[in-house]
């Protein structure tokens, strides 16, 4: 095999799998980015999703503690969205590698 026909890199997944993973990654970035935004804005409908320590039924939570938990969840969503973005870049590279002609 002549060196002029050598292409750097290797295929990790085929064209169909890379297209599917690209679609899922785009959806993950969008969904987790928006979910993180809603956690950051302290959306009340997401209150059951924050983990608060078990306290007595009559004890009230301080606002600062609740806001800190919402912010923590927002950060976690944005980190997950960033990981999906990294996956999107890797799968996009694989898709480009699969669509290049050999000749």
PDB file of N, CA and C in Angstrom:
ATOM      1  N   UNK A   1       0.848  -1.173   0.000  1.00  0.00           N
ATOM      2  CA  UNK A   1       0.000   0.000   0.000  1.00  0.00           C
ATOM      3  C   UNK A   1       0.896   1.240   0.000  1.00  0.00           C
ATOM      4  N   UNK A   2       0.764   2.078  -1.005  1.00  0.00           N
ATOM      5  CA  UNK A   2       1.610   3.275  -1.054  1.00  0.00           C
ATOM      6  C   UNK A   2       1.243   4.257   0.055  1.00  0.00           C
ATOM      7  N   UNK A   3       2.230   5.006   0.491  1.00  0.00           N
ATOM      8  CA  UNK A   3       1.999   5.967   1.565  1.00  0.00           C
ATOM      9  C   UNK A   3       1.077   7.105   1.154  1.00  0.00           C
ATOM     10  N   UNK A   4       0.966   7.389  -0.110  1.00  0.00           N
ATOM     11  CA  UNK A   4       0.109   8.492  -0.556  1.00  0.00           C
ATOM     12  C   UNK A   4      -1.369   8.189  -0.340  1.00  0.00           C
ATOM     13  N   UNK A   5      -1.737   6.909  -0.255  1.00  0.00           N
ATOM     14  CA  UNK A   5      -3.138   6.563  -0.046  1.00  0.00           C
ATOM     15  C   UNK A   5      -3.460   6.330   1.423  1.00  0.00           C
ATOM     16  N   UNK A   6      -2.486   6.510   2.298  1.00  0.00           N
ATOM     17  CA  UNK A   6      -2.707   6.305   3.731  1.00  0.00           C
ATOM     18  C   UNK A   6      -3.497   7.470   4.315  1.00  0.00           C
ATOM     19  N   UNK A   7      -4.574   7.149   5.023  1.00  0.00           N
ATOM     20  CA  UNK A   7      -5.366   8.174   5.704  1.00  0.00           C
ATOM     21  C   UNK A   7      -5.172   8.022   7.205  1.00  0.00           C
ATOM     22  N   UNK A   8      -4.851   9.102   7.921  1.00  0.00           N
ATOM     23  CA  UNK A   8      -4.649   8.988   9.363  1.00  0.00           C
ATOM     24  C   UNK A   8      -5.975   8.731  10.066  1.00  0.00           C
ATOM     25  N   UNK A   9      -5.913   8.070  11.191  1.00  0.00           N
ATOM     26  CA  UNK A   9      -7.111   7.784  11.966  1.00  0.00           C
ATOM     27  C   UNK A   9      -7.662   6.419  11.611  1.00  0.00           C
ATOM     28  N   UNK A  10      -8.636   6.016  12.343  1.00  0.00           N
ATOM     29  CA  UNK A  10      -9.256   4.726  12.078  1.00  0.00           C
ATOM     30  C   UNK A  10     -10.750   4.831  12.358  1.00  0.00           C
ATOM     31  N   UNK A  11     -11.532   4.040  11.662  1.00  0.00           N
ATOM     32  CA  UNK A  11     -12.964   4.100  11.925  1.00  0.00           C
ATOM     33  C   UNK A  11     -13.303   3.367  13.223  1.00  0.00           C
ATOM     34  N   UNK A  12     -13.999   4.026  14.094  1.00  0.00           N
ATOM     35  CA  UNK A  12     -14.456   3.389  15.326  1.00  0.00           C
ATOM     36  C   UNK A  12     -15.895   2.918  15.202  1.00  0.00           C
ATOM     37  N   UNK A  13     -16.631   3.540  14.303  1.00  0.00           N
ATOM     38  CA  UNK A  13     -18.014   3.140  14.062  1.00  0.00           C
ATOM     39  C   UNK A  13     -18.362   3.424  12.606  1.00  0.00           C
ATOM     40  N   UNK A  14     -19.351   2.712  12.119  1.00  0.00           N
ATOM     41  CA  UNK A  14     -19.749   2.842  10.734  1.00  0.00           C
ATOM     42  C   UNK A  14     -20.590   4.082  10.489  1.00  0.00           C
ATOM     43  N   UNK A  15     -21.027   4.288   9.248  1.00  0.00           N
ATOM     44  CA  UNK A  15     -21.775   5.491   8.920  1.00  0.00           C
ATOM     45  C   UNK A  15     -23.149   5.567   9.588  1.00  0.00           C
ATOM     46  N   UNK A  16     -23.835   4.430   9.720  1.00  0.00           N
ATOM     47  CA  UNK A  16     -25.159   4.452  10.344  1.00  0.00           C
ATOM     48  C   UNK A  16     -25.065   4.710  11.841  1.00  0.00           C
ATOM     49  N   UNK A  17     -24.129   4.048  12.497  1.00  0.00           N
ATOM     50  CA  UNK A  17     -23.954   4.253  13.933  1.00  0.00           C
ATOM     51  C   UNK A  17     -23.478   5.669  14.233  1.00  0.00           C
ATOM     52  N   UNK A  18     -22.588   6.189  13.415  1.00  0.00           N
ATOM     53  CA  UNK A  18     -22.103   7.547  13.656  1.00  0.00           C
ATOM     54  C   UNK A  18     -23.216   8.573  13.440  1.00  0.00           C
ATOM     55  N   UNK A  19     -24.091   8.348  12.464  1.00  0.00           N
ATOM     56  CA  UNK A  19     -25.225   9.262  12.256  1.00  0.00           C
ATOM     57  C   UNK A  19     -26.201   9.189  13.427  1.00  0.00           C
ATOM     58  N   UNK A  20     -26.460   7.979  13.921  1.00  0.00           N
ATOM     59  CA  UNK A  20     -27.362   7.818  15.064  1.00  0.00           C
ATOM     60  C   UNK A  20     -26.777   8.476  16.310  1.00  0.00           C
ATOM     61  N   UNK A  21     -25.509   8.240  16.581  1.00  0.00           N
ATOM     62  CA  UNK A  21     -24.869   8.842  17.758  1.00  0.00           C
ATOM     63  C   UNK A  21     -24.803  10.360  17.644  1.00  0.00           C
ATOM     64  N   UNK A  22     -24.655  10.858  16.416  1.00  0.00           N
ATOM     65  CA  UNK A  22     -24.650  12.303  16.217  1.00  0.00           C
ATOM     66  C   UNK A  22     -26.017  12.891  16.566  1.00  0.00           C
ATOM     67  N   UNK A  23     -27.066  12.226  16.143  1.00  0.00           N
ATOM     68  CA  UNK A  23     -28.420  12.672  16.452  1.00  0.00           C
ATOM     69  C   UNK A  23     -28.683  12.663  17.958  1.00  0.00           C
ATOM     70  N   UNK A  24     -28.305  11.583  18.615  1.00  0.00           N
ATOM     71  CA  UNK A  24     -28.493  11.480  20.065  1.00  0.00           C
ATOM     72  C   UNK A  24     -27.649  12.525  20.799  1.00  0.00           C
ATOM     73  N   UNK A  25     -26.448  12.786  20.336  1.00  0.00           N
ATOM     74  CA  UNK A  25     -25.578  13.776  20.981  1.00  0.00           C
ATOM     75  C   UNK A  25     -26.146  15.184  20.840  1.00  0.00           C
ATOM     76  N   UNK A  26     -26.668  15.504  19.663  1.00  0.00           N
ATOM     77  CA  UNK A  26     -27.283  16.826  19.483  1.00  0.00           C
ATOM     78  C   UNK A  26     -28.460  16.981  20.426  1.00  0.00           C
ATOM     79  N   UNK A  27     -29.290  15.930  20.518  1.00  0.00           N
ATOM     80  CA  UNK A  27     -30.441  15.988  21.416  1.00  0.00           C
ATOM     81  C   UNK A  27     -29.977  16.123  22.876  1.00  0.00           C
ATOM     82  N   UNK A  28     -28.928  15.404  23.264  1.00  0.00           N
ATOM     83  CA  UNK A  28     -28.431  15.483  24.633  1.00  0.00           C
ATOM     84  C   UNK A  28     -27.899  16.866  24.975  1.00  0.00           C
ATOM     85  N   UNK A  29     -27.191  17.493  24.053  1.00  0.00           N
ATOM     86  CA  UNK A  29     -26.666  18.844  24.296  1.00  0.00           C
ATOM     87  C   UNK A  29     -27.820  19.834  24.473  1.00  0.00           C
ATOM     88  N   UNK A  30     -28.809  19.755  23.591  1.00  0.00           N
ATOM     89  CA  UNK A  30     -29.940  20.690  23.665  1.00  0.00           C
ATOM     90  C   UNK A  30     -30.740  20.464  24.944  1.00  0.00           C
ATOM     91  N   UNK A  31     -31.114  19.204  25.201  1.00  0.00           N
ATOM     92  CA  UNK A  31     -31.966  18.892  26.351  1.00  0.00           C
ATOM     93  C   UNK A  31     -31.286  19.233  27.668  1.00  0.00           C
ATOM     94  N   UNK A  32     -30.055  18.791  27.845  1.00  0.00           N
ATOM     95  CA  UNK A  32     -29.362  19.039  29.109  1.00  0.00           C
ATOM     96  C   UNK A  32     -28.990  20.503  29.284  1.00  0.00           C
ATOM     97  N   UNK A  33     -28.732  21.203  28.181  1.00  0.00           N
ATOM     98  CA  UNK A  33     -28.477  22.639  28.281  1.00  0.00           C
ATOM     99  C   UNK A  33     -29.703  23.394  28.765  1.00  0.00           C
ATOM    100  N   UNK A  34     -30.865  23.057  28.202  1.00  0.00           N
ATOM    101  CA  UNK A  34     -32.111  23.714  28.626  1.00  0.00           C
ATOM    102  C   UNK A  34     -32.474  23.307  30.048  1.00  0.00           C
ATOM    103  N   UNK A  35     -32.310  22.030  30.384  1.00  0.00           N
ATOM    104  CA  UNK A  35     -32.616  21.574  31.742  1.00  0.00           C
ATOM    105  C   UNK A  35     -31.719  22.269  32.760  1.00  0.00           C
ATOM    106  N   UNK A  36     -30.429  22.426  32.431  1.00  0.00           N
ATOM    107  CA  UNK A  36     -29.518  23.150  33.313  1.00  0.00           C
ATOM    108  C   UNK A  36     -29.933  24.598  33.476  1.00  0.00           C
ATOM    109  N   UNK A  37     -30.428  25.214  32.403  1.00  0.00           N
ATOM    110  CA  UNK A  37     -30.917  26.588  32.481  1.00  0.00           C
ATOM    111  C   UNK A  37     -32.104  26.684  33.434  1.00  0.00           C
ATOM    112  N   UNK A  38     -33.026  25.735  33.337  1.00  0.00           N
ATOM    113  CA  UNK A  38     -34.184  25.759  34.230  1.00  0.00           C
ATOM    114  C   UNK A  38     -33.795  25.504  35.685  1.00  0.00           C
ATOM    115  N   UNK A  39     -32.820  24.627  35.907  1.00  0.00           N
ATOM    116  CA  UNK A  39     -32.324  24.451  37.271  1.00  0.00           C
ATOM    117  C   UNK A  39     -31.670  25.736  37.770  1.00  0.00           C
ATOM    118  N   UNK A  40     -30.921  26.408  36.910  1.00  0.00           N
ATOM    119  CA  UNK A  40     -30.255  27.651  37.295  1.00  0.00           C
ATOM    120  C   UNK A  40     -31.265  28.745  37.632  1.00  0.00           C
ATOM    121  N   UNK A  41     -32.414  28.728  36.937  1.00  0.00           N
ATOM    122  CA  UNK A  41     -33.465  29.718  37.198  1.00  0.00           C
ATOM    123  C   UNK A  41     -34.391  29.314  38.333  1.00  0.00           C
ATOM    124  N   UNK A  42     -34.080  28.207  39.012  1.00  0.00           N
ATOM    125  CA  UNK A  42     -34.853  27.701  40.152  1.00  0.00           C
ATOM    126  C   UNK A  42     -36.305  27.427  39.789  1.00  0.00           C
ATOM    127  N   UNK A  43     -36.534  26.683  38.717  1.00  0.00           N
ATOM    128  CA  UNK A  43     -37.887  26.334  38.306  1.00  0.00           C
ATOM    129  C   UNK A  43     -38.533  25.470  39.392  1.00  0.00           C
ATOM    130  N   UNK A  44     -39.692  25.898  39.855  1.00  0.00           N
ATOM    131  CA  UNK A  44     -40.343  25.200  40.967  1.00  0.00           C
ATOM    132  C   UNK A  44     -40.804  23.804  40.593  1.00  0.00           C
ATOM    133  N   UNK A  45     -41.069  23.547  39.333  1.00  0.00           N
ATOM    134  CA  UNK A  45     -41.488  22.204  38.938  1.00  0.00           C
ATOM    135  C   UNK A  45     -40.358  21.183  39.053  1.00  0.00           C
ATOM    136  N   UNK A  46     -39.130  21.644  39.135  1.00  0.00           N
ATOM    137  CA  UNK A  46     -37.985  20.751  39.291  1.00  0.00           C
ATOM    138  C   UNK A  46     -37.593  20.554  40.755  1.00  0.00           C
ATOM    139  N   UNK A  47     -38.356  21.117  41.679  1.00  0.00           N
ATOM    140  CA  UNK A  47     -38.023  21.009  43.102  1.00  0.00           C
ATOM    141  C   UNK A  47     -37.926  19.559  43.574  1.00  0.00           C
ATOM    142  N   UNK A  48     -38.823  18.653  43.137  1.00  0.00           N
ATOM    143  CA  UNK A  48     -38.674  17.256  43.597  1.00  0.00           C
ATOM    144  C   UNK A  48     -37.392  16.588  43.125  1.00  0.00           C
ATOM    145  N   UNK A  49     -36.732  17.134  42.120  1.00  0.00           N
ATOM    146  CA  UNK A  49     -35.525  16.516  41.586  1.00  0.00           C
ATOM    147  C   UNK A  49     -34.250  16.911  42.319  1.00  0.00           C
ATOM    148  N   UNK A  50     -34.318  17.918  43.174  1.00  0.00           N
ATOM    149  CA  UNK A  50     -33.121  18.256  43.945  1.00  0.00           C
ATOM    150  C   UNK A  50     -33.109  17.382  45.188  1.00  0.00           C
ATOM    151  N   UNK A  51     -31.928  16.960  45.566  1.00  0.00           N
ATOM    152  CA  UNK A  51     -31.799  16.060  46.706  1.00  0.00           C
ATOM    153  C   UNK A  51     -31.562  16.878  47.971  1.00  0.00           C
ATOM    154  N   UNK A  52     -32.561  16.881  48.814  1.00  0.00           N
ATOM    155  CA  UNK A  52     -32.430  17.568  50.095  1.00  0.00           C
ATOM    156  C   UNK A  52     -32.330  16.517  51.192  1.00  0.00           C
ATOM    157  N   UNK A  53     -31.542  16.789  52.217  1.00  0.00           N
ATOM    158  CA  UNK A  53     -31.424  15.806  53.298  1.00  0.00           C
ATOM    159  C   UNK A  53     -32.763  15.635  54.022  1.00  0.00           C
ATOM    160  N   UNK A  54     -32.977  14.428  54.504  1.00  0.00           N
ATOM    161  CA  UNK A  54     -34.213  14.151  55.242  1.00  0.00           C
ATOM    162  C   UNK A  54     -34.220  14.956  56.539  1.00  0.00           C
ATOM    163  N   UNK A  55     -35.279  15.709  56.732  1.00  0.00           N
ATOM    164  CA  UNK A  55     -35.447  16.471  57.961  1.00  0.00           C
ATOM    165  C   UNK A  55     -36.829  16.163  58.506  1.00  0.00           C
ATOM    166  N   UNK A  56     -37.088  16.684  59.668  1.00  0.00           N
ATOM    167  CA  UNK A  56     -38.407  16.476  60.235  1.00  0.00           C
ATOM    168  C   UNK A  56     -39.448  17.191  59.384  1.00  0.00           C
ATOM    169  N   UNK A  57     -40.679  16.728  59.471  1.00  0.00           N
ATOM    170  CA  UNK A  57     -41.737  17.249  58.605  1.00  0.00           C
ATOM    171  C   UNK A  57     -42.012  18.732  58.857  1.00  0.00           C
ATOM    172  N   UNK A  58     -41.861  19.197  60.074  1.00  0.00           N
ATOM    173  CA  UNK A  58     -42.183  20.591  60.385  1.00  0.00           C
ATOM    174  C   UNK A  58     -41.000  21.540  60.172  1.00  0.00           C
ATOM    175  N   UNK A  59     -39.829  21.022  59.828  1.00  0.00           N
ATOM    176  CA  UNK A  59     -38.648  21.853  59.616  1.00  0.00           C
ATOM    177  C   UNK A  59     -38.704  22.484  58.234  1.00  0.00           C
ATOM    178  N   UNK A  60     -38.421  23.781  58.197  1.00  0.00           N
ATOM    179  CA  UNK A  60     -38.379  24.486  56.918  1.00  0.00           C
ATOM    180  C   UNK A  60     -36.935  24.551  56.435  1.00  0.00           C
ATOM    181  N   UNK A  61     -36.772  24.499  55.129  1.00  0.00           N
ATOM    182  CA  UNK A  61     -35.446  24.607  54.530  1.00  0.00           C
ATOM    183  C   UNK A  61     -35.115  26.075  54.327  1.00  0.00           C
ATOM    184  N   UNK A  62     -33.837  26.397  54.484  1.00  0.00           N
ATOM    185  CA  UNK A  62     -33.401  27.766  54.221  1.00  0.00           C
ATOM    186  C   UNK A  62     -33.293  27.980  52.718  1.00  0.00           C
ATOM    187  N   UNK A  63     -33.578  29.204  52.291  1.00  0.00           N
ATOM    188  CA  UNK A  63     -33.548  29.509  50.863  1.00  0.00           C
ATOM    189  C   UNK A  63     -32.159  29.297  50.271  1.00  0.00           C
ATOM    190  N   UNK A  64     -31.132  29.649  51.007  1.00  0.00           N
ATOM    191  CA  UNK A  64     -29.767  29.490  50.512  1.00  0.00           C
ATOM    192  C   UNK A  64     -29.419  28.034  50.241  1.00  0.00           C
ATOM    193  N   UNK A  65     -29.921  27.136  51.081  1.00  0.00           N
ATOM    194  CA  UNK A  65     -29.657  25.714  50.890  1.00  0.00           C
ATOM    195  C   UNK A  65     -30.346  25.195  49.617  1.00  0.00           C
ATOM    196  N   UNK A  66     -31.561  25.644  49.388  1.00  0.00           N
ATOM    197  CA  UNK A  66     -32.304  25.215  48.204  1.00  0.00           C
ATOM    198  C   UNK A  66     -31.668  25.784  46.936  1.00  0.00           C
ATOM    199  N   UNK A  67     -31.281  27.060  46.969  1.00  0.00           N
ATOM    200  CA  UNK A  67     -30.644  27.685  45.801  1.00  0.00           C
ATOM    201  C   UNK A  67     -29.315  27.001  45.503  1.00  0.00           C
ATOM    202  N   UNK A  68     -28.573  26.619  46.524  1.00  0.00           N
ATOM    203  CA  UNK A  68     -27.301  25.923  46.320  1.00  0.00           C
ATOM    204  C   UNK A  68     -27.529  24.571  45.651  1.00  0.00           C
ATOM    205  N   UNK A  69     -28.583  23.881  46.040  1.00  0.00           N
ATOM    206  CA  UNK A  69     -28.884  22.587  45.415  1.00  0.00           C
ATOM    207  C   UNK A  69     -29.312  22.752  43.952  1.00  0.00           C
ATOM    208  N   UNK A  70     -30.116  23.779  43.675  1.00  0.00           N
ATOM    209  CA  UNK A  70     -30.506  24.050  42.290  1.00  0.00           C
ATOM    210  C   UNK A  70     -29.275  24.374  41.439  1.00  0.00           C
ATOM    211  N   UNK A  71     -28.377  25.182  41.981  1.00  0.00           N
ATOM    212  CA  UNK A  71     -27.158  25.548  41.250  1.00  0.00           C
ATOM    213  C   UNK A  71     -26.276  24.327  41.010  1.00  0.00           C
ATOM    214  N   UNK A  72     -26.196  23.452  42.001  1.00  0.00           N
ATOM    215  CA  UNK A  72     -25.412  22.225  41.851  1.00  0.00           C
ATOM    216  C   UNK A  72     -25.983  21.346  40.729  1.00  0.00           C
ATOM    217  N   UNK A  73     -27.296  21.218  40.690  1.00  0.00           N
ATOM    218  CA  UNK A  73     -27.925  20.420  39.633  1.00  0.00           C
ATOM    219  C   UNK A  73     -27.730  21.063  38.261  1.00  0.00           C
ATOM    220  N   UNK A  74     -27.774  22.395  38.194  1.00  0.00           N
ATOM    221  CA  UNK A  74     -27.545  23.086  36.923  1.00  0.00           C
ATOM    222  C   UNK A  74     -26.136  22.810  36.427  1.00  0.00           C
ATOM    223  N   UNK A  75     -25.166  22.859  37.318  1.00  0.00           N
ATOM    224  CA  UNK A  75     -23.785  22.585  36.956  1.00  0.00           C
ATOM    225  C   UNK A  75     -23.623  21.149  36.458  1.00  0.00           C
ATOM    226  N   UNK A  76     -24.281  20.207  37.124  1.00  0.00           N
ATOM    227  CA  UNK A  76     -24.211  18.817  36.694  1.00  0.00           C
ATOM    228  C   UNK A  76     -24.804  18.630  35.303  1.00  0.00           C
ATOM    229  N   UNK A  77     -25.907  19.300  35.024  1.00  0.00           N
ATOM    230  CA  UNK A  77     -26.520  19.208  33.688  1.00  0.00           C
ATOM    231  C   UNK A  77     -25.603  19.794  32.632  1.00  0.00           C
ATOM    232  N   UNK A  78     -24.956  20.906  32.937  1.00  0.00           N
ATOM    233  CA  UNK A  78     -24.067  21.533  31.962  1.00  0.00           C
ATOM    234  C   UNK A  78     -22.812  20.700  31.724  1.00  0.00           C
ATOM    235  N   UNK A  79     -22.327  20.022  32.752  1.00  0.00           N
ATOM    236  CA  UNK A  79     -21.184  19.125  32.566  1.00  0.00           C
ATOM    237  C   UNK A  79     -21.576  17.967  31.658  1.00  0.00           C
ATOM    238  N   UNK A  80     -22.757  17.399  31.893  1.00  0.00           N
ATOM    239  CA  UNK A  80     -23.231  16.307  31.038  1.00  0.00           C
ATOM    240  C   UNK A  80     -23.435  16.788  29.604  1.00  0.00           C
ATOM    241  N   UNK A  81     -23.943  18.013  29.427  1.00  0.00           N
ATOM    242  CA  UNK A  81     -24.108  18.570  28.078  1.00  0.00           C
ATOM    243  C   UNK A  81     -22.747  18.742  27.415  1.00  0.00           C
ATOM    244  N   UNK A  82     -21.747  19.147  28.171  1.00  0.00           N
ATOM    245  CA  UNK A  82     -20.395  19.265  27.631  1.00  0.00           C
ATOM    246  C   UNK A  82     -19.827  17.922  27.204  1.00  0.00           C
ATOM    247  N   UNK A  83     -20.101  16.871  27.973  1.00  0.00           N
ATOM    248  CA  UNK A  83     -19.649  15.538  27.580  1.00  0.00           C
ATOM    249  C   UNK A  83     -20.356  15.073  26.312  1.00  0.00           C
ATOM    250  N   UNK A  84     -21.643  15.396  26.187  1.00  0.00           N
ATOM    251  CA  UNK A  84     -22.347  15.085  24.946  1.00  0.00           C
ATOM    252  C   UNK A  84     -21.759  15.874  23.777  1.00  0.00           C
ATOM    253  N   UNK A  85     -21.321  17.097  24.027  1.00  0.00           N
ATOM    254  CA  UNK A  85     -20.701  17.901  22.978  1.00  0.00           C
ATOM    255  C   UNK A  85     -19.378  17.279  22.526  1.00  0.00           C
ATOM    256  N   UNK A  86     -18.607  16.774  23.463  1.00  0.00           N
ATOM    257  CA  UNK A  86     -17.365  16.078  23.118  1.00  0.00           C
ATOM    258  C   UNK A  86     -17.670  14.837  22.287  1.00  0.00           C
ATOM    259  N   UNK A  87     -18.713  14.107  22.692  1.00  0.00           N
ATOM    260  CA  UNK A  87     -19.132  12.940  21.924  1.00  0.00           C
ATOM    261  C   UNK A  87     -19.573  13.342  20.524  1.00  0.00           C
ATOM    262  N   UNK A  88     -20.277  14.464  20.411  1.00  0.00           N
ATOM    263  CA  UNK A  88     -20.728  14.954  19.112  1.00  0.00           C
ATOM    264  C   UNK A  88     -19.541  15.253  18.202  1.00  0.00           C
ATOM    265  N   UNK A  89     -18.516  15.876  18.736  1.00  0.00           N
ATOM    266  CA  UNK A  89     -17.328  16.193  17.935  1.00  0.00           C
ATOM    267  C   UNK A  89     -16.641  14.902  17.475  1.00  0.00           C
ATOM    268  N   UNK A  90     -16.523  13.928  18.376  1.00  0.00           N
ATOM    269  CA  UNK A  90     -15.875  12.662  18.018  1.00  0.00           C
ATOM    270  C   UNK A  90     -16.671  11.918  16.954  1.00  0.00           C
ATOM    271  N   UNK A  91     -17.972  11.900  17.107  1.00  0.00           N
ATOM    272  CA  UNK A  91     -18.811  11.191  16.143  1.00  0.00           C
ATOM    273  C   UNK A  91     -18.861  11.951  14.821  1.00  0.00           C
ATOM    274  N   UNK A  92     -18.816  13.274  14.863  1.00  0.00           N
ATOM    275  CA  UNK A  92     -18.754  14.060  13.631  1.00  0.00           C
ATOM    276  C   UNK A  92     -17.471  13.745  12.870  1.00  0.00           C
ATOM    277  N   UNK A  93     -16.371  13.621  13.594  1.00  0.00           N
ATOM    278  CA  UNK A  93     -15.101  13.240  12.976  1.00  0.00           C
ATOM    279  C   UNK A  93     -15.216  11.855  12.335  1.00  0.00           C
ATOM    280  N   UNK A  94     -15.870  10.917  13.042  1.00  0.00           N
ATOM    281  CA  UNK A  94     -16.057   9.578  12.484  1.00  0.00           C
ATOM    282  C   UNK A  94     -16.926   9.617  11.225  1.00  0.00           C
ATOM    283  N   UNK A  95     -17.961  10.448  11.232  1.00  0.00           N
ATOM    284  CA  UNK A  95     -18.835  10.563  10.081  1.00  0.00           C
ATOM    285  C   UNK A  95     -18.072  11.133   8.889  1.00  0.00           C
ATOM    286  N   UNK A  96     -17.247  12.140   9.128  1.00  0.00           N
ATOM    287  CA  UNK A  96     -16.418  12.694   8.054  1.00  0.00           C
ATOM    288  C   UNK A  96     -15.443  11.651   7.532  1.00  0.00           C
ATOM    289  N   UNK A  97     -14.860  10.853   8.427  1.00  0.00           N
ATOM    290  CA  UNK A  97     -13.914   9.827   8.029  1.00  0.00           C
ATOM    291  C   UNK A  97     -14.610   8.786   7.168  1.00  0.00           C
ATOM    292  N   UNK A  98     -15.859   8.422   7.520  1.00  0.00           N
ATOM    293  CA  UNK A  98     -16.600   7.408   6.773  1.00  0.00           C
ATOM    294  C   UNK A  98     -17.063   7.894   5.410  1.00  0.00           C
ATOM    295  N   UNK A  99     -17.268   9.189   5.237  1.00  0.00           N
ATOM    296  CA  UNK A  99     -17.788   9.694   3.968  1.00  0.00           C
ATOM    297  C   UNK A  99     -16.686  10.065   2.976  1.00  0.00           C
ATOM    298  N   UNK A 100     -15.430  10.059   3.386  1.00  0.00           N
ATOM    299  CA  UNK A 100     -14.334  10.341   2.455  1.00  0.00           C
ATOM    300  C   UNK A 100     -14.190   9.183   1.485  1.00  0.00           C
ATOM    301  N   UNK A 101     -13.922   9.505   0.253  1.00  0.00           N
ATOM    302  CA  UNK A 101     -13.742   8.448  -0.738  1.00  0.00           C
ATOM    303  C   UNK A 101     -12.355   7.824  -0.607  1.00  0.00           C
ATOM    304  N   UNK A 102     -12.246   6.576  -0.900  1.00  0.00           N
ATOM    305  CA  UNK A 102     -10.991   5.864  -0.784  1.00  0.00           C
ATOM    306  C   UNK A 102     -10.090   6.142  -1.984  1.00  0.00           C
ATOM    307  N   UNK A 103     -10.683   6.418  -3.132  1.00  0.00           N
ATOM    308  CA  UNK A 103      -9.900   6.606  -4.361  1.00  0.00           C
ATOM    309  C   UNK A 103      -9.585   8.039  -4.598  1.00  0.00           C
TER     310      UNK A 103
END
